[in-house]
């Protein structure tokens, strides 16, 4: 029986905002649980709520704390 493979990294989409004081993270989305369409819809809501601010979507990866390297 095969076990599910654990990736070395966890991948995210992050919505960043700049209200005039520098870039800040607004929301994180795990790529396993979310779709890019959902992230874009949320970005549209941020832009509607505060149209004078700047927003962007960035991708990020972090080391998975559950990852165990194979010693083969």
PDB file of N, CA and C in Angstrom:
ATOM      1  N   UNK A   1       0.838  -1.177   0.000  1.00  0.00           N
ATOM      2  CA  UNK A   1       0.000   0.000   0.000  1.00  0.00           C
ATOM      3  C   UNK A   1       0.887   1.246   0.000  1.00  0.00           C
ATOM      4  N   UNK A   2       0.579   2.167  -0.896  1.00  0.00           N
ATOM      5  CA  UNK A   2       1.363   3.391  -0.983  1.00  0.00           C
ATOM      6  C   UNK A   2       0.895   4.396   0.054  1.00  0.00           C
ATOM      7  N   UNK A   3       1.857   5.106   0.607  1.00  0.00           N
ATOM      8  CA  UNK A   3       1.516   6.198   1.509  1.00  0.00           C
ATOM      9  C   UNK A   3       1.554   7.497   0.725  1.00  0.00           C
ATOM     10  N   UNK A   4       0.822   8.471   1.201  1.00  0.00           N
ATOM     11  CA  UNK A   4       0.779   9.755   0.518  1.00  0.00           C
ATOM     12  C   UNK A   4       2.118  10.457   0.696  1.00  0.00           C
ATOM     13  N   UNK A   5       2.661  10.946  -0.389  1.00  0.00           N
ATOM     14  CA  UNK A   5       3.946  11.629  -0.371  1.00  0.00           C
ATOM     15  C   UNK A   5       3.783  13.026   0.224  1.00  0.00           C
ATOM     16  N   UNK A   6       4.694  13.387   1.101  1.00  0.00           N
ATOM     17  CA  UNK A   6       4.679  14.716   1.709  1.00  0.00           C
ATOM     18  C   UNK A   6       5.687  15.577   0.967  1.00  0.00           C
ATOM     19  N   UNK A   7       5.235  16.699   0.445  1.00  0.00           N
ATOM     20  CA  UNK A   7       6.113  17.610  -0.283  1.00  0.00           C
ATOM     21  C   UNK A   7       7.085  18.292   0.665  1.00  0.00           C
ATOM     22  N   UNK A   8       8.232  18.667   0.111  1.00  0.00           N
ATOM     23  CA  UNK A   8       9.236  19.373   0.892  1.00  0.00           C
ATOM     24  C   UNK A   8       8.782  20.798   1.206  1.00  0.00           C
ATOM     25  N   UNK A   9       7.999  21.374   0.311  1.00  0.00           N
ATOM     26  CA  UNK A   9       7.556  22.755   0.475  1.00  0.00           C
ATOM     27  C   UNK A   9       6.037  22.841   0.517  1.00  0.00           C
ATOM     28  N   UNK A  10       5.541  23.895   1.153  1.00  0.00           N
ATOM     29  CA  UNK A  10       4.130  24.258   1.116  1.00  0.00           C
ATOM     30  C   UNK A  10       4.045  25.529   0.282  1.00  0.00           C
ATOM     31  N   UNK A  11       3.141  25.543  -0.689  1.00  0.00           N
ATOM     32  CA  UNK A  11       3.031  26.666  -1.619  1.00  0.00           C
ATOM     33  C   UNK A  11       1.808  27.514  -1.283  1.00  0.00           C
ATOM     34  N   UNK A  12       1.985  28.844  -1.370  1.00  0.00           N
ATOM     35  CA  UNK A  12       0.936  29.790  -1.017  1.00  0.00           C
ATOM     36  C   UNK A  12       0.765  30.853  -2.095  1.00  0.00           C
ATOM     37  N   UNK A  13      -0.424  31.440  -2.128  1.00  0.00           N
ATOM     38  CA  UNK A  13      -0.671  32.723  -2.781  1.00  0.00           C
ATOM     39  C   UNK A  13      -0.901  33.709  -1.652  1.00  0.00           C
ATOM     40  N   UNK A  14      -0.365  34.916  -1.787  1.00  0.00           N
ATOM     41  CA  UNK A  14      -0.528  35.937  -0.756  1.00  0.00           C
ATOM     42  C   UNK A  14      -1.002  37.225  -1.410  1.00  0.00           C
ATOM     43  N   UNK A  15      -2.033  37.833  -0.839  1.00  0.00           N
ATOM     44  CA  UNK A  15      -2.470  39.159  -1.283  1.00  0.00           C
ATOM     45  C   UNK A  15      -1.721  40.186  -0.442  1.00  0.00           C
ATOM     46  N   UNK A  16      -0.978  41.063  -1.123  1.00  0.00           N
ATOM     47  CA  UNK A  16      -0.228  42.140  -0.483  1.00  0.00           C
ATOM     48  C   UNK A  16      -0.945  43.454  -0.746  1.00  0.00           C
ATOM     49  N   UNK A  17      -0.898  44.354   0.240  1.00  0.00           N
ATOM     50  CA  UNK A  17      -1.519  45.671   0.087  1.00  0.00           C
ATOM     51  C   UNK A  17      -0.526  46.748   0.494  1.00  0.00           C
ATOM     52  N   UNK A  18      -0.709  47.928  -0.098  1.00  0.00           N
ATOM     53  CA  UNK A  18       0.094  49.086   0.262  1.00  0.00           C
ATOM     54  C   UNK A  18      -0.859  50.261   0.416  1.00  0.00           C
ATOM     55  N   UNK A  19      -1.076  50.682   1.650  1.00  0.00           N
ATOM     56  CA  UNK A  19      -1.965  51.806   1.948  1.00  0.00           C
ATOM     57  C   UNK A  19      -1.181  53.109   2.099  1.00  0.00           C
ATOM     58  N   UNK A  20       0.067  53.123   1.620  1.00  0.00           N
ATOM     59  CA  UNK A  20       0.899  54.313   1.701  1.00  0.00           C
ATOM     60  C   UNK A  20       1.983  54.225   2.754  1.00  0.00           C
ATOM     61  N   UNK A  21       2.011  53.135   3.508  1.00  0.00           N
ATOM     62  CA  UNK A  21       3.023  52.973   4.560  1.00  0.00           C
ATOM     63  C   UNK A  21       3.919  51.769   4.319  1.00  0.00           C
ATOM     64  N   UNK A  22       3.888  51.206   3.140  1.00  0.00           N
ATOM     65  CA  UNK A  22       4.687  50.021   2.827  1.00  0.00           C
ATOM     66  C   UNK A  22       3.801  48.807   2.598  1.00  0.00           C
ATOM     67  N   UNK A  23       4.394  47.768   2.028  1.00  0.00           N
ATOM     68  CA  UNK A  23       3.648  46.560   1.679  1.00  0.00           C
ATOM     69  C   UNK A  23       3.408  45.700   2.904  1.00  0.00           C
ATOM     70  N   UNK A  24       2.167  45.204   3.027  1.00  0.00           N
ATOM     71  CA  UNK A  24       1.764  44.330   4.128  1.00  0.00           C
ATOM     72  C   UNK A  24       0.997  43.144   3.572  1.00  0.00           C
ATOM     73  N   UNK A  25       1.116  41.997   4.245  1.00  0.00           N
ATOM     74  CA  UNK A  25       0.348  40.817   3.859  1.00  0.00           C
ATOM     75  C   UNK A  25      -1.080  40.960   4.362  1.00  0.00           C
ATOM     76  N   UNK A  26      -2.034  40.753   3.472  1.00  0.00           N
ATOM     77  CA  UNK A  26      -3.452  40.806   3.858  1.00  0.00           C
ATOM     78  C   UNK A  26      -4.010  39.409   4.098  1.00  0.00           C
ATOM     79  N   UNK A  27      -3.803  38.501   3.140  1.00  0.00           N
ATOM     80  CA  UNK A  27      -4.395  37.164   3.221  1.00  0.00           C
ATOM     81  C   UNK A  27      -3.439  36.134   2.646  1.00  0.00           C
ATOM     82  N   UNK A  28      -3.448  34.936   3.249  1.00  0.00           N
ATOM     83  CA  UNK A  28      -2.663  33.796   2.772  1.00  0.00           C
ATOM     84  C   UNK A  28      -3.629  32.732   2.267  1.00  0.00           C
ATOM     85  N   UNK A  29      -3.265  32.062   1.176  1.00  0.00           N
ATOM     86  CA  UNK A  29      -4.079  30.980   0.622  1.00  0.00           C
ATOM     87  C   UNK A  29      -3.171  29.800   0.310  1.00  0.00           C
ATOM     88  N   UNK A  30      -3.438  28.673   0.918  1.00  0.00           N
ATOM     89  CA  UNK A  30      -2.689  27.456   0.635  1.00  0.00           C
ATOM     90  C   UNK A  30      -3.140  26.937  -0.726  1.00  0.00           C
ATOM     91  N   UNK A  31      -2.197  26.630  -1.603  1.00  0.00           N
ATOM     92  CA  UNK A  31      -2.551  26.200  -2.957  1.00  0.00           C
ATOM     93  C   UNK A  31      -3.254  24.849  -2.975  1.00  0.00           C
ATOM     94  N   UNK A  32      -3.102  24.049  -1.926  1.00  0.00           N
ATOM     95  CA  UNK A  32      -3.791  22.763  -1.879  1.00  0.00           C
ATOM     96  C   UNK A  32      -5.278  22.936  -1.600  1.00  0.00           C
ATOM     97  N   UNK A  33      -5.631  24.020  -0.901  1.00  0.00           N
ATOM     98  CA  UNK A  33      -7.011  24.214  -0.459  1.00  0.00           C
ATOM     99  C   UNK A  33      -7.773  25.275  -1.237  1.00  0.00           C
ATOM    100  N   UNK A  34      -7.075  26.124  -1.982  1.00  0.00           N
ATOM    101  CA  UNK A  34      -7.714  27.258  -2.654  1.00  0.00           C
ATOM    102  C   UNK A  34      -7.422  27.235  -4.147  1.00  0.00           C
ATOM    103  N   UNK A  35      -8.266  27.929  -4.891  1.00  0.00           N
ATOM    104  CA  UNK A  35      -8.026  28.094  -6.320  1.00  0.00           C
ATOM    105  C   UNK A  35      -7.585  29.528  -6.584  1.00  0.00           C
ATOM    106  N   UNK A  36      -6.918  29.720  -7.707  1.00  0.00           N
ATOM    107  CA  UNK A  36      -6.472  31.063  -8.068  1.00  0.00           C
ATOM    108  C   UNK A  36      -7.672  31.978  -8.306  1.00  0.00           C
ATOM    109  N   UNK A  37      -8.760  31.422  -8.810  1.00  0.00           N
ATOM    110  CA  UNK A  37      -9.980  32.202  -9.009  1.00  0.00           C
ATOM    111  C   UNK A  37     -10.519  32.765  -7.702  1.00  0.00           C
ATOM    112  N   UNK A  38     -10.458  31.977  -6.645  1.00  0.00           N
ATOM    113  CA  UNK A  38     -10.897  32.449  -5.330  1.00  0.00           C
ATOM    114  C   UNK A  38     -10.018  33.603  -4.851  1.00  0.00           C
ATOM    115  N   UNK A  39      -8.711  33.492  -5.070  1.00  0.00           N
ATOM    116  CA  UNK A  39      -7.785  34.553  -4.664  1.00  0.00           C
ATOM    117  C   UNK A  39      -8.079  35.831  -5.443  1.00  0.00           C
ATOM    118  N   UNK A  40      -8.341  35.706  -6.745  1.00  0.00           N
ATOM    119  CA  UNK A  40      -8.647  36.882  -7.565  1.00  0.00           C
ATOM    120  C   UNK A  40      -9.963  37.535  -7.150  1.00  0.00           C
ATOM    121  N   UNK A  41     -10.960  36.722  -6.770  1.00  0.00           N
ATOM    122  CA  UNK A  41     -12.228  37.289  -6.288  1.00  0.00           C
ATOM    123  C   UNK A  41     -12.015  38.079  -4.997  1.00  0.00           C
ATOM    124  N   UNK A  42     -11.201  37.536  -4.097  1.00  0.00           N
ATOM    125  CA  UNK A  42     -10.919  38.256  -2.856  1.00  0.00           C
ATOM    126  C   UNK A  42     -10.127  39.531  -3.126  1.00  0.00           C
ATOM    127  N   UNK A  43      -9.204  39.487  -4.080  1.00  0.00           N
ATOM    128  CA  UNK A  43      -8.455  40.683  -4.460  1.00  0.00           C
ATOM    129  C   UNK A  43      -9.401  41.754  -5.003  1.00  0.00           C
ATOM    130  N   UNK A  44     -10.381  41.332  -5.771  1.00  0.00           N
ATOM    131  CA  UNK A  44     -11.376  42.270  -6.303  1.00  0.00           C
ATOM    132  C   UNK A  44     -12.155  42.934  -5.168  1.00  0.00           C
ATOM    133  N   UNK A  45     -12.478  42.179  -4.120  1.00  0.00           N
ATOM    134  CA  UNK A  45     -13.172  42.739  -2.958  1.00  0.00           C
ATOM    135  C   UNK A  45     -12.299  43.755  -2.220  1.00  0.00           C
ATOM    136  N   UNK A  46     -11.017  43.455  -2.076  1.00  0.00           N
ATOM    137  CA  UNK A  46     -10.107  44.418  -1.441  1.00  0.00           C
ATOM    138  C   UNK A  46     -10.058  45.708  -2.254  1.00  0.00           C
ATOM    139  N   UNK A  47      -9.965  45.585  -3.570  1.00  0.00           N
ATOM    140  CA  UNK A  47      -9.904  46.773  -4.428  1.00  0.00           C
ATOM    141  C   UNK A  47     -11.201  47.573  -4.381  1.00  0.00           C
ATOM    142  N   UNK A  48     -12.326  46.896  -4.235  1.00  0.00           N
ATOM    143  CA  UNK A  48     -13.610  47.583  -4.132  1.00  0.00           C
ATOM    144  C   UNK A  48     -13.712  48.336  -2.802  1.00  0.00           C
ATOM    145  N   UNK A  49     -13.230  47.726  -1.726  1.00  0.00           N
ATOM    146  CA  UNK A  49     -13.330  48.324  -0.393  1.00  0.00           C
ATOM    147  C   UNK A  49     -12.421  49.544  -0.235  1.00  0.00           C
ATOM    148  N   UNK A  50     -11.252  49.507  -0.853  1.00  0.00           N
ATOM    149  CA  UNK A  50     -10.312  50.633  -0.720  1.00  0.00           C
ATOM    150  C   UNK A  50      -9.594  50.823  -2.058  1.00  0.00           C
ATOM    151  N   UNK A  51     -10.216  51.535  -2.993  1.00  0.00           N
ATOM    152  CA  UNK A  51      -9.668  51.632  -4.351  1.00  0.00           C
ATOM    153  C   UNK A  51      -8.383  52.448  -4.468  1.00  0.00           C
ATOM    154  N   UNK A  52      -8.043  53.267  -3.476  1.00  0.00           N
ATOM    155  CA  UNK A  52      -6.835  54.090  -3.581  1.00  0.00           C
ATOM    156  C   UNK A  52      -5.563  53.331  -3.217  1.00  0.00           C
ATOM    157  N   UNK A  53      -5.685  52.189  -2.580  1.00  0.00           N
ATOM    158  CA  UNK A  53      -4.519  51.396  -2.193  1.00  0.00           C
ATOM    159  C   UNK A  53      -4.039  50.549  -3.371  1.00  0.00           C
ATOM    160  N   UNK A  54      -2.797  50.104  -3.288  1.00  0.00           N
ATOM    161  CA  UNK A  54      -2.226  49.202  -4.294  1.00  0.00           C
ATOM    162  C   UNK A  54      -2.278  47.778  -3.751  1.00  0.00           C
ATOM    163  N   UNK A  55      -2.563  46.837  -4.639  1.00  0.00           N
ATOM    164  CA  UNK A  55      -2.640  45.434  -4.249  1.00  0.00           C
ATOM    165  C   UNK A  55      -1.909  44.584  -5.272  1.00  0.00           C
ATOM    166  N   UNK A  56      -1.436  43.416  -4.814  1.00  0.00           N
ATOM    167  CA  UNK A  56      -0.842  42.455  -5.730  1.00  0.00           C
ATOM    168  C   UNK A  56      -0.919  41.060  -5.122  1.00  0.00           C
ATOM    169  N   UNK A  57      -0.826  40.068  -6.003  1.00  0.00           N
ATOM    170  CA  UNK A  57      -0.797  38.672  -5.583  1.00  0.00           C
ATOM    171  C   UNK A  57       0.614  38.167  -5.824  1.00  0.00           C
ATOM    172  N   UNK A  58       1.190  37.549  -4.811  1.00  0.00           N
ATOM    173  CA  UNK A  58       2.519  36.958  -4.941  1.00  0.00           C
ATOM    174  C   UNK A  58       2.441  35.490  -4.559  1.00  0.00           C
ATOM    175  N   UNK A  59       3.357  34.717  -5.122  1.00  0.00           N
ATOM    176  CA  UNK A  59       3.470  33.313  -4.755  1.00  0.00           C
ATOM    177  C   UNK A  59       4.619  33.161  -3.770  1.00  0.00           C
ATOM    178  N   UNK A  60       4.481  32.200  -2.861  1.00  0.00           N
ATOM    179  CA  UNK A  60       5.522  31.970  -1.864  1.00  0.00           C
ATOM    180  C   UNK A  60       5.563  30.486  -1.542  1.00  0.00           C
ATOM    181  N   UNK A  61       6.733  30.016  -1.150  1.00  0.00           N
ATOM    182  CA  UNK A  61       6.845  28.649  -0.668  1.00  0.00           C
ATOM    183  C   UNK A  61       7.635  28.655   0.631  1.00  0.00           C
ATOM    184  N   UNK A  62       7.274  27.751   1.522  1.00  0.00           N
ATOM    185  CA  UNK A  62       7.951  27.607   2.805  1.00  0.00           C
ATOM    186  C   UNK A  62       8.234  26.135   3.032  1.00  0.00           C
ATOM    187  N   UNK A  63       9.260  25.853   3.807  1.00  0.00           N
ATOM    188  CA  UNK A  63       9.575  24.471   4.129  1.00  0.00           C
ATOM    189  C   UNK A  63       8.434  23.844   4.917  1.00  0.00           C
ATOM    190  N   UNK A  64       8.106  22.619   4.563  1.00  0.00           N
ATOM    191  CA  UNK A  64       7.049  21.878   5.239  1.00  0.00           C
ATOM    192  C   UNK A  64       7.619  21.277   6.524  1.00  0.00           C
ATOM    193  N   UNK A  65       7.068  21.604   7.687  1.00  0.00           N
ATOM    194  CA  UNK A  65       7.604  21.051   8.939  1.00  0.00           C
ATOM    195  C   UNK A  65       7.384  19.542   9.068  1.00  0.00           C
ATOM    196  N   UNK A  66       6.471  18.967   8.295  1.00  0.00           N
ATOM    197  CA  UNK A  66       6.198  17.530   8.355  1.00  0.00           C
ATOM    198  C   UNK A  66       7.076  16.720   7.413  1.00  0.00           C
ATOM    199  N   UNK A  67       7.907  17.382   6.628  1.00  0.00           N
ATOM    200  CA  UNK A  67       8.715  16.686   5.623  1.00  0.00           C
ATOM    201  C   UNK A  67       9.844  15.906   6.285  1.00  0.00           C
ATOM    202  N   UNK A  68       9.991  14.654   5.891  1.00  0.00           N
ATOM    203  CA  UNK A  68      11.091  13.802   6.332  1.00  0.00           C
ATOM    204  C   UNK A  68      11.857  13.347   5.098  1.00  0.00           C
ATOM    205  N   UNK A  69      13.134  13.745   4.945  1.00  0.00           N
ATOM    206  CA  UNK A  69      13.879  13.330   3.754  1.00  0.00           C
ATOM    207  C   UNK A  69      14.085  11.819   3.731  1.00  0.00           C
ATOM    208  N   UNK A  70      14.104  11.283   2.522  1.00  0.00           N
ATOM    209  CA  UNK A  70      14.316   9.857   2.316  1.00  0.00           C
ATOM    210  C   UNK A  70      15.809   9.577   2.354  1.00  0.00           C
ATOM    211  N   UNK A  71      16.252   8.640   3.145  1.00  0.00           N
ATOM    212  CA  UNK A  71      17.681   8.328   3.264  1.00  0.00           C
ATOM    213  C   UNK A  71      18.045   7.089   2.463  1.00  0.00           C
ATOM    214  N   UNK A  72      17.580   6.982   1.239  1.00  0.00           N
ATOM    215  CA  UNK A  72      17.891   5.819   0.387  1.00  0.00           C
ATOM    216  C   UNK A  72      19.186   6.018  -0.335  1.00  0.00           C
TER     217      UNK A  72
END
